[in-house]
C-alpha atoms as a PDB file:
ATOM      1  CA  HIS A   1     120.338 -25.395  10.672  1.00  0.00           C
ATOM      2  CA  GLY A   2     123.348 -26.887   8.870  1.00  0.00           C
ATOM      3  CA  GLU A   3     124.932 -27.942  12.176  1.00  0.00           C
ATOM      4  CA  ASN A   4     121.663 -29.550  13.265  1.00  0.00           C
ATOM      5  CA  LYS A   5     121.515 -31.492  10.010  1.00  0.00           C
ATOM      6  CA  ASP A   6     125.134 -32.606  10.423  1.00  0.00           C
ATOM      7  CA  ALA A   7     124.322 -33.885  13.915  1.00  0.00           C
ATOM      8  CA  GLN A   8     121.186 -35.617  12.615  1.00  0.00           C
ATOM      9  CA  ILE A   9     123.137 -37.281   9.786  1.00  0.00           C
ATOM     10  CA  GLU A  10     125.855 -38.386  12.214  1.00  0.00           C
ATOM     11  CA  LYS A  11     123.268 -39.869  14.575  1.00  0.00           C
ATOM     12  CA  LEU A  12     121.467 -41.691  11.736  1.00  0.00           C
ATOM     13  CA  THR A  13     124.779 -43.011  10.386  1.00  0.00           C
ATOM     14  CA  SER A  14     125.620 -44.365  13.833  1.00  0.00           C
ATOM     15  CA  GLN A  15     122.215 -46.086  14.005  1.00  0.00           C
ATOM     16  CA  ILE A  16     122.712 -47.553  10.535  1.00  0.00           C
ATOM     17  CA  ASP A  17     126.203 -48.832  11.369  1.00  0.00           C
ATOM     18  CA  THR A  18     124.987 -50.404  14.614  1.00  0.00           C
ATOM     19  CA  ALA A  19     121.953 -52.014  12.942  1.00  0.00           C
ATOM     20  CA  THR A  20     124.083 -53.278  10.049  1.00  0.00           C
ATOM     21  CA  ALA A  21     126.627 -54.868  12.390  1.00  0.00           C
ATOM     22  CA  ARG A  22     123.866 -56.410  14.513  1.00  0.00           C
ATOM     23  CA  THR A  23     122.124 -57.773  11.410  1.00  0.00           C
ATOM     24  CA  ALA A  24     125.339 -59.369  10.145  1.00  0.00           C
ATOM     25  CA  MET A  25     125.947 -61.006  13.531  1.00  0.00           C
ATOM     26  CA  LEU A  26     122.366 -62.302  13.754  1.00  0.00           C
ATOM     27  CA  LYS A  27     122.542 -63.745  10.242  1.00  0.00           C
ATOM     28  CA  GLU A  28     125.725 -65.613  11.165  1.00  0.00           C
ATOM     29  CA  GLN A  29     124.053 -66.951  14.309  1.00  0.00           C
ATOM     30  CA  VAL A  30     120.941 -68.033  12.388  1.00  0.00           C
ATOM     31  CA  ALA A  31     123.110 -69.809   9.808  1.00  0.00           C
ATOM     32  CA  ALA A  32     124.993 -71.621  12.592  1.00  0.00           C
ATOM     33  CA  LEU A  33     121.715 -72.590  14.293  1.00  0.00           C
ATOM     34  CA  GLN A  34     120.222 -73.909  11.059  1.00  0.00           C
ATOM     35  CA  LYS A  35     123.372 -75.928  10.436  1.00  0.00           C
ATOM     36  CA  ALA A  36     123.164 -77.345  13.974  1.00  0.00           C
ATOM     37  CA  LEU A  37     119.471 -78.180  13.464  1.00  0.00           C
ATOM     38  CA  ALA A  38     120.251 -79.998  10.225  1.00  0.00           C
ATOM     39  CA  SER A  39     122.985 -81.969  11.993  1.00  0.00           C
ATOM     40  CA  LEU A  40     120.636 -82.759  14.880  1.00  0.00           C
ATOM     41  CA  LYS A  41     117.967 -83.930  12.458  1.00  0.00           C
ATOM     42  CA  ALA A  42     120.477 -86.177  10.680  1.00  0.00           C
ATOM     43  CA  THR A  43     121.679 -87.600  13.991  1.00  0.00           C
ATOM     44  CA  GLN A  44     118.111 -88.350  15.092  1.00  0.00           C
ATOM     45  CA  ALA A  45     117.353 -89.998  11.757  1.00  0.00           C
ATOM     46  CA  GLU A  46     120.404 -92.260  12.169  1.00  0.00           C
ATOM     47  CA  MET A  47     119.342 -93.045  15.747  1.00  0.00           C
ATOM     48  CA  ASN A  48     115.840 -93.945  14.547  1.00  0.00           C
ATOM     49  CA  LYS A  49     117.250 -96.218  11.864  1.00  0.00           C
ATOM     50  CA  LEU A  50     119.595 -97.974  14.303  1.00  0.00           C
ATOM     51  CA  ARG A  51     116.927 -98.344  16.993  1.00  0.00           C
ATOM     52  CA  HIS A  52     114.476 -99.806  14.488  1.00  0.00           C
ATOM     53  CA  ALA A  53     117.061-102.328  13.300  1.00  0.00           C
ATOM     54  CA  GLU A  54     117.979-103.262  16.884  1.00  0.00           C
ATOM     55  CA  HIS A  55     114.332-103.679  17.847  1.00  0.00           C
ATOM     56  CA  GLU A  56     113.611-105.840  14.807  1.00  0.00           C
ATOM     57  CA  GLN A  57     116.576-108.023  15.725  1.00  0.00           C
ATOM     58  CA  PHE A  58     115.345-108.256  19.318  1.00  0.00           C
ATOM     59  CA  VAL A  59     111.856-109.269  18.190  1.00  0.00           C
ATOM     60  CA  THR A  60     113.317-112.020  15.985  1.00  0.00           C
ATOM     61  CA  GLU A  61     115.668-113.296  18.710  1.00  0.00           C
ATOM     62  CA  LYS A  62     112.910-113.181  21.320  1.00  0.00           C
ATOM     63  CA  GLN A  63     110.605-115.231  19.100  1.00  0.00           C
ATOM     64  CA  ASP A  64     113.349-117.782  18.443  1.00  0.00           C
ATOM     65  CA  ILE A  65     114.172-118.090  22.158  1.00  0.00           C
ATOM     66  CA  GLU A  66     110.511-118.356  23.139  1.00  0.00           C
ATOM     67  CA  LEU A  67     109.992-121.048  20.506  1.00  0.00           C
ATOM     68  CA  GLY A  68     113.020-122.849  21.881  1.00  0.00           C
ATOM     69  CA  ILE A  69     111.693-122.661  25.430  1.00  0.00           C
ATOM     70  CA  GLU A  70     108.281-123.830  24.297  1.00  0.00           C
ATOM     71  CA  GLY A  71     109.850-126.744  22.421  1.00  0.00           C
ATOM     72  CA  VAL A  72     111.923-127.797  25.435  1.00  0.00           C
ATOM     73  CA  LYS A  73     108.879-127.610  27.700  1.00  0.00           C
ATOM     74  CA  ILE A  74     106.882-129.796  25.344  1.00  0.00           C
ATOM     75  CA  ALA A  75     109.762-132.264  25.154  1.00  0.00           C
ATOM     76  CA  LEU A  76     110.084-132.366  28.942  1.00  0.00           C
ATOM     77  CA  LYS A  77     106.373-132.856  29.408  1.00  0.00           C
ATOM     78  CA  THR A  78     106.310-135.618  26.839  1.00  0.00           C
ATOM     79  CA  LEU A  79     109.356-137.427  28.260  1.00  0.00           C
ATOM     80  CA  ARG A  80     108.171-137.159  31.835  1.00  0.00           C
ATOM     81  CA  ALA A  81     104.803-138.581  30.884  1.00  0.00           C
ATOM     82  CA  TYR A  82     106.455-141.347  28.865  1.00  0.00           C
ATOM     83  CA  TYR A  83     108.918-142.416  31.516  1.00  0.00           C
ATOM     84  CA  ALA A  84     106.271-142.201  34.223  1.00  0.00           C
ATOM     85  CA  LYS A  85     104.395-145.049  32.459  1.00  0.00           C
ATOM     86  CA  GLN A  86     107.501-147.233  32.258  1.00  0.00           C
ATOM     87  CA  ASP A  87     108.359-149.747  34.845  1.00  0.00           C
ATOM     88  CA  THR A  88     110.319-147.939  37.508  1.00  0.00           C
ATOM     89  CA  ALA A  89     112.073-151.228  38.245  1.00  0.00           C
ATOM     90  CA  HIS A  90     114.203-150.856  35.128  1.00  0.00           C
ATOM     91  CA  GLU A  91     117.090-148.836  36.482  1.00  0.00           C
ATOM     92  CA  ALA A  92     118.681-148.369  33.064  1.00  0.00           C
ATOM     93  CA  SER A  93     115.566-146.736  31.714  1.00  0.00           C
ATOM     94  CA  SER A  94     115.317-144.602  34.815  1.00  0.00           C
ATOM     95  CA  GLY A  95     118.903-143.478  34.435  1.00  0.00           C
ATOM     96  CA  ASP A  96     118.480-142.609  30.768  1.00  0.00           C
ATOM     97  CA  ALA A  97     115.338-140.630  31.528  1.00  0.00           C
ATOM     98  CA  SER A  98     117.033-138.706  34.287  1.00  0.00           C
ATOM     99  CA  GLY A  99     119.977-137.807  32.043  1.00  0.00           C
ATOM    100  CA  ILE A 100     117.832-136.680  29.111  1.00  0.00           C
ATOM    101  CA  ILE A 101     115.423-134.734  31.286  1.00  0.00           C
ATOM    102  CA  GLY A 102     118.331-133.099  33.132  1.00  0.00           C
ATOM    103  CA  LEU A 103     119.912-132.021  29.834  1.00  0.00           C
ATOM    104  CA  LEU A 104     116.638-130.548  28.619  1.00  0.00           C
ATOM    105  CA  GLU A 105     116.188-128.712  31.895  1.00  0.00           C
ATOM    106  CA  VAL A 106     119.668-127.175  31.490  1.00  0.00           C
ATOM    107  CA  ILE A 107     118.783-126.130  27.942  1.00  0.00           C
ATOM    108  CA  GLU A 108     115.517-124.631  29.195  1.00  0.00           C
ATOM    109  CA  ALA A 109     117.384-122.680  31.875  1.00  0.00           C
ATOM    110  CA  ASP A 110     119.866-121.393  29.286  1.00  0.00           C
ATOM    111  CA  PHE A 111     117.038-120.297  27.004  1.00  0.00           C
ATOM    112  CA  THR A 112     115.267-118.570  29.895  1.00  0.00           C
ATOM    113  CA  LYS A 113     118.462-116.791  30.941  1.00  0.00           C
ATOM    114  CA  SER A 114     119.143-115.735  27.359  1.00  0.00           C
ATOM    115  CA  LEU A 115     115.600-114.375  27.033  1.00  0.00           C
ATOM    116  CA  ALA A 116     116.003-112.341  30.233  1.00  0.00           C
ATOM    117  CA  GLU A 117     119.355-110.937  29.110  1.00  0.00           C
ATOM    118  CA  THR A 118     118.109-110.105  25.602  1.00  0.00           C
ATOM    119  CA  THR A 119     115.014-108.419  27.047  1.00  0.00           C
ATOM    120  CA  ALA A 120     117.155-106.419  29.492  1.00  0.00           C
ATOM    121  CA  VAL A 121     119.475-105.259  26.699  1.00  0.00           C
ATOM    122  CA  GLU A 122     116.460-104.202  24.601  1.00  0.00           C
ATOM    123  CA  LYS A 123     114.914-102.379  27.541  1.00  0.00           C
ATOM    124  CA  THR A 124     118.141-100.477  28.248  1.00  0.00           C
ATOM    125  CA  ALA A 125     118.656 -99.614  24.571  1.00  0.00           C
ATOM    126  CA  GLN A 126     115.073 -98.369  24.279  1.00  0.00           C
ATOM    127  CA  ALA A 127     115.426 -96.254  27.456  1.00  0.00           C
ATOM    128  CA  GLU A 128     118.667 -94.717  26.179  1.00  0.00           C
ATOM    129  CA  TYR A 129     117.065 -94.035  22.803  1.00  0.00           C
ATOM    130  CA  ASP A 130     114.021 -92.420  24.421  1.00  0.00           C
ATOM    131  CA  GLU A 131     116.234 -90.223  26.612  1.00  0.00           C
ATOM    132  CA  SER A 132     118.447 -89.123  23.717  1.00  0.00           C
ATOM    133  CA  THR A 133     115.395 -88.474  21.537  1.00  0.00           C
ATOM    134  CA  LYS A 134     113.844 -86.344  24.257  1.00  0.00           C
ATOM    135  CA  GLU A 135     117.070 -84.348  24.643  1.00  0.00           C
ATOM    136  CA  ASN A 136     117.318 -83.866  20.888  1.00  0.00           C
ATOM    137  CA  GLU A 137     113.706 -82.687  20.725  1.00  0.00           C
ATOM    138  CA  MET A 138     114.304 -80.180  23.525  1.00  0.00           C
ATOM    139  CA  GLU A 139     117.519 -78.930  21.912  1.00  0.00           C
ATOM    140  CA  GLY A 140     115.784 -78.695  18.549  1.00  0.00           C
ATOM    141  CA  THR A 141     112.869 -76.741  20.033  1.00  0.00           C
ATOM    142  CA  ILE A 142     115.231 -74.280  21.736  1.00  0.00           C
ATOM    143  CA  LYS A 143     117.246 -73.761  18.552  1.00  0.00           C
ATOM    144  CA  GLU A 144     114.119 -73.366  16.414  1.00  0.00           C
ATOM    145  CA  GLN A 145     112.767 -70.735  18.807  1.00  0.00           C
ATOM    146  CA  ASP A 146     116.141 -68.987  18.745  1.00  0.00           C
ATOM    147  CA  VAL A 147     116.046 -68.952  14.943  1.00  0.00           C
ATOM    148  CA  LYS A 148     112.489 -67.588  15.054  1.00  0.00           C
ATOM    149  CA  TYR A 149     113.380 -64.742  17.445  1.00  0.00           C
ATOM    150  CA  LYS A 150     116.591 -63.827  15.628  1.00  0.00           C
ATOM    151  CA  THR A 151     114.858 -63.875  12.240  1.00  0.00           C
ATOM    152  CA  ALA A 152     112.141 -61.592  13.621  1.00  0.00           C
ATOM    153  CA  GLU A 153     114.824 -59.220  14.947  1.00  0.00           C
ATOM    154  CA  ILE A 154     116.533 -59.235  11.533  1.00  0.00           C
ATOM    155  CA  SER A 155     113.218 -58.197   9.959  1.00  0.00           C
ATOM    156  CA  LYS A 156     112.812 -55.361  12.468  1.00  0.00           C
ATOM    157  CA  LEU A 157     116.379 -54.204  11.858  1.00  0.00           C
ATOM    158  CA  ALA A 158     115.757 -54.245   8.104  1.00  0.00           C
ATOM    159  CA  LYS A 159     112.854 -51.846   8.690  1.00  0.00           C
ATOM    160  CA  VAL A 160     115.045 -49.664  10.922  1.00  0.00           C
ATOM    161  CA  LEU A 161     117.769 -49.616   8.264  1.00  0.00           C
ATOM    162  CA  ASP A 162     115.267 -48.712   5.565  1.00  0.00           C
ATOM    163  CA  GLU A 163     113.767 -45.857   7.585  1.00  0.00           C
ATOM    164  CA  ALA A 164     117.116 -44.569   8.863  1.00  0.00           C
ATOM    165  CA  GLY A 165     118.594 -44.721   5.367  1.00  0.00           C
ATOM    166  CA  SER A 166     115.652 -42.796   3.957  1.00  0.00           C
ATOM    167  CA  ASP A 167     115.863 -40.210   6.760  1.00  0.00           C
ATOM    168  CA  ARG A 168     119.611 -39.807   6.211  1.00  0.00           C
ATOM    169  CA  ASP A 169     119.128 -39.319   2.470  1.00  0.00           C
ATOM    170  CA  SER A 170     116.504 -36.647   3.174  1.00  0.00           C
ATOM    171  CA  ALA A 171     118.765 -34.954   5.733  1.00  0.00           C
ATOM    172  CA  ARG A 172     121.681 -34.967   3.283  1.00  0.00           C
ATOM    173  CA  THR A 173     119.468 -33.450   0.589  1.00  0.00           C
ATOM    174  CA  GLU A 174     118.258 -30.755   2.992  1.00  0.00           C
ATOM    175  CA  LEU A 175     121.824 -30.070   4.136  1.00  0.00           C
ATOM    176  CA  GLY A 176     122.922 -29.719   0.524  1.00  0.00           C
ATOM    177  CA  SER A 177     120.145 -27.219  -0.097  1.00  0.00           C
ATOM    178  CA  ILE A 178     121.075 -25.259   3.032  1.00  0.00           C
ATOM    179  CA  LEU A 179     124.750 -25.134   2.077  1.00  0.00           C
ATOM    180  CA  GLU A 180     123.917 -24.055  -1.479  1.00  0.00           C
ATOM    181  CA  TYR A 181     121.619 -21.313  -0.182  1.00  0.00           C
ATOM    182  CA  LYS A 182     124.305 -20.153   2.273  1.00  0.00           C
ATOM    183  CA  LYS A 183     126.846 -20.112  -0.545  1.00  0.00           C
ATOM    184  CA  GLN A 184     124.598 -17.875  -2.607  1.00  0.00           C
ATOM    185  CA  LEU A 185     123.989 -15.557   0.366  1.00  0.00           C
ATOM    186  CA  ASP A 186     127.719 -15.313   1.033  1.00  0.00           C
ATOM    187  CA  LYS A 187     128.285 -14.493  -2.592  1.00  0.00           C
ATOM    188  CA  GLU A 188     125.641 -11.732  -2.533  1.00  0.00           C
ATOM    189  CA  CYS A 189     126.294 -10.262   0.917  1.00  0.00           C
ATOM    190  CA  VAL A 190     129.998 -10.607   1.537  1.00  0.00           C
ATOM    191  CA  GLU A 191     132.032  -8.047  -0.457  1.00  0.00           C
ATOM    192  CA  THR A 192     135.049  -9.607  -2.065  1.00  0.00           C
ATOM    193  CA  PRO A 193     138.254  -7.540  -1.566  1.00  0.00           C
ATOM    194  CA  GLU A 194     139.603  -6.018  -4.777  1.00  0.00           C
ATOM    195  CA  THR A 195     142.864  -7.342  -6.138  1.00  0.00           C
ATOM    196  CA  TYR A 196     145.744  -5.028  -7.149  1.00  0.00           C
ATOM    197  CA  ALA A 197     144.963  -5.553 -10.811  1.00  0.00           C
ATOM    198  CA  GLN A 198     141.300  -4.696 -10.203  1.00  0.00           C
ATOM    199  CA  ARG A 199     142.263  -1.509  -8.301  1.00  0.00           C
ATOM    200  CA  THR A 200     144.723  -0.460 -11.049  1.00  0.00           C
ATOM    201  CA  ALA A 201     142.159  -1.035 -13.766  1.00  0.00           C
ATOM    202  CA  LYS A 202     139.566   0.932 -11.783  1.00  0.00           C
ATOM    203  CA  ARG A 203     141.943   3.911 -11.383  1.00  0.00           C
ATOM    204  CA  ALA A 204     142.850   3.799 -15.071  1.00  0.00           C
ATOM    205  CA  ALA A 205     139.167   3.873 -15.952  1.00  0.00           C
ATOM    206  CA  GLU A 206     138.617   6.844 -13.621  1.00  0.00           C
ATOM    207  CA  ILE A 207     141.572   8.765 -15.152  1.00  0.00           C
ATOM    208  CA  ASN A 208     140.338   8.032 -18.645  1.00  0.00           C
ATOM    209  CA  GLY A 209     136.934   9.306 -17.643  1.00  0.00           C
ATOM    210  CA  LEU A 210     138.434  12.547 -16.263  1.00  0.00           C
ATOM    211  CA  GLU A 211     140.546  13.059 -19.355  1.00  0.00           C
ATOM    212  CA  GLU A 212     137.516  12.572 -21.546  1.00  0.00           C
ATOM    213  CA  ALA A 213     135.602  15.099 -19.439  1.00  0.00           C
ATOM    214  CA  LEU A 214     138.443  17.661 -19.693  1.00  0.00           C
ATOM    215  CA  ASN A 215     138.605  17.195 -23.450  1.00  0.00           C
ATOM    216  CA  ILE A 216     134.894  17.766 -23.693  1.00  0.00           C
ATOM    217  CA  LEU A 217     135.158  20.905 -21.527  1.00  0.00           C
ATOM    218  CA  GLU A 218     138.045  22.271 -23.592  1.00  0.00           C
ATOM    219  CA  SER A 219     136.126  21.635 -26.770  1.00  0.00           C
ATOM    220  CA  GLU A 220     133.102  23.451 -25.360  1.00  0.00           C
ATOM    221  CA  ALA A 221     135.301  26.398 -24.291  1.00  0.00           C
ATOM    222  CA  MET A 222     136.807  26.733 -27.754  1.00  0.00           C
ATOM    223  CA  LEU A 223     133.361  26.674 -29.358  1.00  0.00           C
ATOM    224  CA  LEU A 224     132.202  29.422 -26.988  1.00  0.00           C
ATOM    225  CA  GLN A 225     135.204  31.620 -27.787  1.00  0.00           C
ATOM    226  CA  GLN A 226     134.704  31.159 -31.507  1.00  0.00           C
ATOM    227  CA  SER A 227     131.051  32.101 -31.140  1.00  0.00           C
ATOM    228  CA  CYS A 228     131.918  35.284 -29.212  1.00  0.00           C
ATOM    229  CA  HIS A 229     134.476  36.391 -31.850  1.00  0.00           C
ATOM    230  CA  LYS A 230     131.901  35.935 -34.577  1.00  0.00           C
ATOM    231  CA  ARG A 231     129.291  38.019 -32.756  1.00  0.00           C
ATOM    232  CA  LYS A 232     131.821  40.868 -32.235  1.00  0.00           C
ATOM    233  CA  ALA A 233     132.837  40.855 -35.904  1.00  0.00           C
ATOM    234  CA  HIS A 234     129.238  41.214 -37.029  1.00  0.00           C
ATOM    235  CA  ALA A 235     128.670  44.071 -34.656  1.00  0.00           C
END
């Protein structure tokens, strides 16, 4: 029984050591994952802040450009209508009109080009932001699930450790009882060899006992002889 308990204790100790090591590793991994999640969250928050600022700037610039385009269009419409009423015979007036209208048309083209470029930049920035946000969300989901599974495993291992520890304590208690019982049996059943001193003392006690017996016998013999002499004298 003692050997069985030793084997049981050894097996339980191995389970406890394995579960303890696994728990420590999982806790380190969970801590690393939580740190990564916090960093990811901070990165996304900074991205959100930057994207919001960029979009606000785009909206303002777009409005300004559109107002500029609208103003140039109104000016062109007004000038064209004005010069159309003038006498086309006046070449100077015609030349001035052509120069002013041409300048406004260049300005309008510049505004239109600027609006297209600004819109394209905003569209690209928004697409990149959306893609990065999607990747961050996916990465965050994977890490959160990993944390969930590892935390659940840690809880299961804690239960295993608790049960194995309790079983090992019980086995150790039982083993102690078995060993104590065996010790008592050995003490009762196994005759301990006598030492030289014990043998000498035993012989001395035996000799003393014999001497005492002889003394008693001699005393009895003397009493008998004395009794016989007395009976003869009376006769």
